Amino acid sequence: MPSGRSNSPPPAPRDGPAPSPAPRKTSTSLSLRALFDEQASLRRAVRVITHRLAAPCSGRPKAGVRGYPNQAERFEKQRRLQVLTARLAAVEARAAAARPEIVVGGRRLLGARHDLVERA
């Protein structure tokens, strides 16, 4: 009667060091990834707005790029482009230094904590 054991030989001992565990995700690596994601998102937004601003206002699509329907919206997007460009420059500077801002709870909570400390 079978005893439930297999007749295969026991596994051979491993040669060399044990495999290293998977690298842990630290807050620094996660925040760097978030920083690079933000950088990519800002670049994409700047590229889209720049292409749409290149097309004439309320005109037909030029080379598949549609312009803005009226001058007021075009003006708003020009202002938005300046804001996004400034944010992109700040994010690129932080990414080049490879030193993301890590704040437990977020930047708003940090400001609230500092405000409480100053008032006490």
Protein backbone atom coordinates (compact mmCIF):
# COMPACT_ATOMS: atom_id res chain seq x y z
CA MET A 1 0.00 0.00 0.00
CA PRO A 2 1.31 3.46 -0.77
CA SER A 3 2.35 5.44 2.27
CA GLY A 4 1.79 8.87 0.69
CA ARG A 5 5.50 9.48 0.19
CA SER A 6 7.07 9.73 -3.21
CA ASN A 7 10.08 7.70 -4.18
CA SER A 8 11.94 10.77 -5.50
CA PRO A 9 15.26 11.64 -3.89
CA PRO A 10 15.45 14.63 -1.54
CA PRO A 11 16.31 17.98 -3.12
CA ALA A 12 20.01 18.66 -3.56
CA PRO A 13 21.55 21.40 -1.39
CA ARG A 14 21.96 24.77 -3.09
CA ASP A 15 25.36 26.00 -4.09
CA GLY A 16 26.24 29.62 -3.36
CA PRO A 17 24.45 32.23 -1.30
CA ALA A 18 20.73 32.24 -0.78
CA PRO A 19 18.82 34.43 -3.21
CA SER A 20 18.39 37.97 -2.00
CA PRO A 21 14.85 39.05 -1.15
CA ALA A 22 13.01 41.42 -3.44
CA PRO A 23 14.06 45.04 -2.92
CA ARG A 24 11.83 46.88 -0.49
CA LYS A 25 9.92 49.89 -1.65
CA THR A 26 11.01 52.75 0.53
CA SER A 27 9.29 56.08 0.81
CA THR A 28 12.17 57.62 -1.13
CA SER A 29 11.79 55.28 -4.08
CA LEU A 30 8.01 55.71 -4.10
CA SER A 31 8.28 59.48 -3.93
CA LEU A 32 10.88 59.50 -6.72
CA ARG A 33 8.52 57.46 -8.86
CA ALA A 34 5.70 59.90 -8.08
CA LEU A 35 8.01 62.81 -8.93
CA PHE A 36 8.90 61.30 -12.30
CA ASP A 37 5.23 60.57 -12.98
CA GLU A 38 4.37 64.19 -12.21
CA GLN A 39 7.17 65.32 -14.52
CA ALA A 40 5.84 63.16 -17.36
CA SER A 41 2.29 64.41 -16.79
CA LEU A 42 3.39 68.06 -16.85
CA ARG A 43 5.44 67.52 -20.03
CA ARG A 44 2.44 65.92 -21.70
CA ALA A 45 0.14 68.80 -20.69
CA VAL A 46 2.63 71.42 -21.91
CA ARG A 47 3.04 69.58 -25.21
CA VAL A 48 -0.73 69.35 -25.82
CA ILE A 49 -1.40 73.00 -25.00
CA THR A 50 1.58 74.15 -27.11
CA HIS A 51 0.32 72.18 -30.12
CA ARG A 52 -3.20 73.57 -29.75
CA LEU A 53 -1.91 77.13 -29.37
CA ALA A 54 0.02 76.72 -32.62
CA ALA A 55 -3.25 76.19 -34.51
CA PRO A 56 -5.33 79.24 -35.46
CA CYS A 57 -8.17 80.31 -33.20
CA SER A 58 -11.61 79.04 -34.28
CA GLY A 59 -10.12 77.80 -37.51
CA ARG A 60 -10.05 74.46 -39.18
CA PRO A 61 -7.70 71.85 -37.84
CA LYS A 62 -4.16 72.34 -39.08
CA ALA A 63 -2.36 69.04 -39.61
CA GLY A 64 -4.84 67.27 -37.36
CA VAL A 65 -4.45 69.75 -34.49
CA ARG A 66 -7.53 71.68 -33.53
CA GLY A 67 -7.18 75.21 -32.16
CA TYR A 68 -9.22 76.79 -29.38
CA PRO A 69 -12.76 77.87 -30.25
CA ASN A 70 -12.50 81.50 -29.12
CA GLN A 71 -9.94 84.08 -28.07
CA ALA A 72 -10.96 84.00 -24.38
CA GLU A 73 -10.26 80.28 -24.05
CA ARG A 74 -7.01 80.70 -25.95
CA PHE A 75 -5.94 83.42 -23.49
CA GLU A 76 -6.79 81.18 -20.52
CA LYS A 77 -4.72 78.37 -21.98
CA GLN A 78 -1.76 80.71 -22.53
CA ARG A 79 -1.88 81.60 -18.83
CA ARG A 80 -2.25 77.93 -17.93
CA LEU A 81 0.78 77.12 -20.07
CA GLN A 82 2.88 79.63 -18.10
CA VAL A 83 1.79 78.05 -14.80
CA LEU A 84 2.50 74.53 -16.05
CA THR A 85 5.91 75.56 -17.41
CA ALA A 86 6.87 77.03 -14.04
CA ARG A 87 5.71 73.90 -12.21
CA LEU A 88 7.60 71.73 -14.70
CA ALA A 89 10.82 73.69 -14.11
CA ALA A 90 10.47 73.20 -10.34
CA VAL A 91 9.77 69.47 -10.72
CA GLU A 92 12.71 69.02 -13.10
CA ALA A 93 15.01 70.75 -10.62
CA ARG A 94 13.87 68.40 -7.85
CA ALA A 95 14.20 65.38 -10.15
CA ALA A 96 17.72 66.40 -11.23
CA ALA A 97 18.77 66.63 -7.59
CA ALA A 98 17.11 63.22 -6.97
CA ARG A 99 15.82 64.57 -3.68
CA PRO A 100 12.04 64.40 -3.56
CA GLU A 101 10.10 66.18 -0.87
CA ILE A 102 8.88 63.62 1.63
CA VAL A 103 6.36 64.85 4.15
CA VAL A 104 4.30 62.50 6.30
CA GLY A 105 0.66 63.37 5.77
CA GLY A 106 1.27 65.76 2.88
CA ARG A 107 2.36 69.33 2.38
CA ARG A 108 -0.90 70.87 3.66
CA LEU A 109 -0.63 69.01 6.96
CA LEU A 110 2.97 70.11 7.33
CA GLY A 111 1.91 73.74 6.89
CA ALA A 112 -0.84 73.30 9.46
CA ARG A 113 1.63 71.80 11.94
CA HIS A 114 4.07 74.67 11.48
CA ASP A 115 1.27 77.18 11.89
CA LEU A 116 0.24 75.56 15.18
CA VAL A 117 3.82 75.60 16.44
CA GLU A 118 4.22 79.28 15.58
CA ARG A 119 0.95 80.24 17.33
CA ALA A 120 1.77 78.32 20.53
